[in-house]
Structures are given as structure tokens and as C-alpha cells.
Amino acid sequence: MDYTEIGTILFDVDIDKSKKIQDVIQSVTKALQDKGYNPVNQIVGYVMSGDPTYITSYNDARHLIQKIERDELLEELVKCYLKTL
């Protein structure tokens, strides 16, 4: 059987992981804004210290952000920022 003619679905783990992290950031940002916090200050505090209490527990935001490694979170934030340059 010649497999060269069969279509291949591309699966990019990095794109899926990136999308998941972006979704979490959006959810956490919304929860922080809803509770009256400055999302930038709170997320920076969390990334720098690792202390989850910088993130509100409202709408499960604290639990969501803890599912992502802080270095992966920082990497995604930097990638998104660099895309705007």
C-alpha cells in the first residue's frame, strides 16, 4: 500500500498548548477584573513569587492558573508580547 497518497492531519502540540494557556490567561484576567484587581500586577506577582494567592479564587481562576507551569505561562506571555512588535 502506498501511504504517500493518504492525507495526513497535522497535529501541533505547541499550538494546542499555546491555545490552552491563552484561554487560561483570558479566564484569569476576566476573573481578576471582575473582582476589581489589576490583572497585570496580580499575574506578575504570581509569576515572580509562585504564590497562588495573587490570583483570585473567583470563577476557579486560581485553580486554572496553577494547572500551568509558571515558566510556560511566562513563555506564552512573552511570545504574545513579541508578536505585537
C-alpha atoms as a PDB file:
ATOM      1  CA  MET A   1       0.000   0.000   0.000  1.00  0.00           C
ATOM      2  CA  ASP A   2       1.335   3.413  -0.972  1.00  0.00           C
ATOM      3  CA  TYR A   3       0.937   5.756   2.024  1.00  0.00           C
ATOM      4  CA  THR A   4       2.153   8.809   0.126  1.00  0.00           C
ATOM      5  CA  GLU A   5      -1.334   9.418  -1.258  1.00  0.00           C
ATOM      6  CA  ILE A   6      -3.151   9.267   2.077  1.00  0.00           C
ATOM      7  CA  GLY A   7      -3.871  12.680   3.580  1.00  0.00           C
ATOM      8  CA  THR A   8      -2.259  13.489   6.877  1.00  0.00           C
ATOM      9  CA  ILE A   9      -3.767  15.540   9.623  1.00  0.00           C
ATOM     10  CA  LEU A  10      -1.190  17.762  11.234  1.00  0.00           C
ATOM     11  CA  PHE A  11      -1.282  17.862  14.994  1.00  0.00           C
ATOM     12  CA  ASP A  12       0.840  20.514  16.632  1.00  0.00           C
ATOM     13  CA  VAL A  13       1.144  20.054  20.379  1.00  0.00           C
ATOM     14  CA  ASP A  14       2.700  23.516  20.773  1.00  0.00           C
ATOM     15  CA  ILE A  15      -0.288  25.211  19.140  1.00  0.00           C
ATOM     16  CA  ASP A  16      -2.741  23.279  21.307  1.00  0.00           C
ATOM     17  CA  LYS A  17      -0.723  24.007  24.446  1.00  0.00           C
ATOM     18  CA  SER A  18      -0.421  27.667  23.489  1.00  0.00           C
ATOM     19  CA  LYS A  19      -4.180  27.933  22.942  1.00  0.00           C
ATOM     20  CA  LYS A  20      -4.871  26.300  26.306  1.00  0.00           C
ATOM     21  CA  ILE A  21      -2.549  28.733  28.080  1.00  0.00           C
ATOM     22  CA  GLN A  22      -4.122  31.707  26.281  1.00  0.00           C
ATOM     23  CA  ASP A  23      -7.584  30.520  27.329  1.00  0.00           C
ATOM     24  CA  VAL A  24      -6.459  30.274  30.946  1.00  0.00           C
ATOM     25  CA  ILE A  25      -4.888  33.742  30.834  1.00  0.00           C
ATOM     26  CA  GLN A  26      -8.126  35.181  29.436  1.00  0.00           C
ATOM     27  CA  SER A  27     -10.240  33.473  32.107  1.00  0.00           C
ATOM     28  CA  VAL A  28      -7.924  34.536  34.909  1.00  0.00           C
ATOM     29  CA  THR A  29      -7.750  38.106  33.595  1.00  0.00           C
ATOM     30  CA  LYS A  30     -11.542  38.328  33.462  1.00  0.00           C
ATOM     31  CA  ALA A  31     -11.904  36.942  36.982  1.00  0.00           C
ATOM     32  CA  LEU A  32      -9.338  39.418  38.323  1.00  0.00           C
ATOM     33  CA  GLN A  33     -11.052  42.332  36.560  1.00  0.00           C
ATOM     34  CA  ASP A  34     -14.469  41.210  37.809  1.00  0.00           C
ATOM     35  CA  LYS A  35     -13.157  41.304  41.369  1.00  0.00           C
ATOM     36  CA  GLY A  36     -11.573  44.744  40.854  1.00  0.00           C
ATOM     37  CA  TYR A  37      -7.925  43.706  40.712  1.00  0.00           C
ATOM     38  CA  ASN A  38      -5.294  44.895  38.238  1.00  0.00           C
ATOM     39  CA  PRO A  39      -4.608  41.713  36.224  1.00  0.00           C
ATOM     40  CA  VAL A  40      -1.094  42.764  35.209  1.00  0.00           C
ATOM     41  CA  ASN A  41       0.025  43.352  38.789  1.00  0.00           C
ATOM     42  CA  GLN A  42      -1.576  40.171  40.078  1.00  0.00           C
ATOM     43  CA  ILE A  43      -0.262  37.909  37.316  1.00  0.00           C
ATOM     44  CA  VAL A  44       3.248  39.372  37.633  1.00  0.00           C
ATOM     45  CA  GLY A  45       3.120  38.805  41.385  1.00  0.00           C
ATOM     46  CA  TYR A  46       2.087  35.212  40.828  1.00  0.00           C
ATOM     47  CA  VAL A  47       4.727  34.511  38.174  1.00  0.00           C
ATOM     48  CA  MET A  48       7.524  36.094  40.223  1.00  0.00           C
ATOM     49  CA  SER A  49       6.671  34.560  43.592  1.00  0.00           C
ATOM     50  CA  GLY A  50       4.743  31.393  42.798  1.00  0.00           C
ATOM     51  CA  ASP A  51       2.236  32.417  45.465  1.00  0.00           C
ATOM     52  CA  PRO A  52      -1.226  31.456  44.159  1.00  0.00           C
ATOM     53  CA  THR A  53      -2.944  33.921  46.484  1.00  0.00           C
ATOM     54  CA  TYR A  54      -2.102  36.653  43.969  1.00  0.00           C
ATOM     55  CA  ILE A  55      -4.856  35.099  41.858  1.00  0.00           C
ATOM     56  CA  THR A  56      -8.466  35.238  42.976  1.00  0.00           C
ATOM     57  CA  SER A  57     -10.311  32.002  43.563  1.00  0.00           C
ATOM     58  CA  TYR A  58     -13.364  33.589  41.891  1.00  0.00           C
ATOM     59  CA  ASN A  59     -14.568  31.508  38.915  1.00  0.00           C
ATOM     60  CA  ASP A  60     -11.881  28.914  39.732  1.00  0.00           C
ATOM     61  CA  ALA A  61      -9.146  31.245  38.380  1.00  0.00           C
ATOM     62  CA  ARG A  62      -6.564  30.191  40.974  1.00  0.00           C
ATOM     63  CA  HIS A  63      -7.065  26.522  40.187  1.00  0.00           C
ATOM     64  CA  LEU A  64      -6.872  27.157  36.446  1.00  0.00           C
ATOM     65  CA  ILE A  65      -3.619  29.101  36.566  1.00  0.00           C
ATOM     66  CA  GLN A  66      -1.982  26.503  38.794  1.00  0.00           C
ATOM     67  CA  LYS A  67      -2.533  23.860  36.113  1.00  0.00           C
ATOM     68  CA  ILE A  68       0.086  25.651  34.003  1.00  0.00           C
ATOM     69  CA  GLU A  69       3.764  25.721  34.889  1.00  0.00           C
ATOM     70  CA  ARG A  70       4.884  29.277  35.618  1.00  0.00           C
ATOM     71  CA  ASP A  71       7.712  29.099  33.068  1.00  0.00           C
ATOM     72  CA  GLU A  72       5.211  28.034  30.378  1.00  0.00           C
ATOM     73  CA  LEU A  73       2.915  30.874  31.397  1.00  0.00           C
ATOM     74  CA  LEU A  74       5.765  33.370  31.165  1.00  0.00           C
ATOM     75  CA  GLU A  75       6.882  31.933  27.827  1.00  0.00           C
ATOM     76  CA  GLU A  76       3.384  32.366  26.378  1.00  0.00           C
ATOM     77  CA  LEU A  77       3.096  35.930  27.695  1.00  0.00           C
ATOM     78  CA  VAL A  78       6.452  36.857  26.123  1.00  0.00           C
ATOM     79  CA  LYS A  79       5.541  35.191  22.807  1.00  0.00           C
ATOM     80  CA  CYS A  80       2.271  37.098  22.675  1.00  0.00           C
ATOM     81  CA  TYR A  81       4.022  40.358  23.517  1.00  0.00           C
ATOM     82  CA  LEU A  82       6.695  39.850  20.864  1.00  0.00           C
ATOM     83  CA  LYS A  83       4.018  39.253  18.229  1.00  0.00           C
ATOM     84  CA  THR A  84       2.795  42.815  18.824  1.00  0.00           C
ATOM     85  CA  LEU A  85       6.186  44.380  17.979  1.00  0.00           C
END
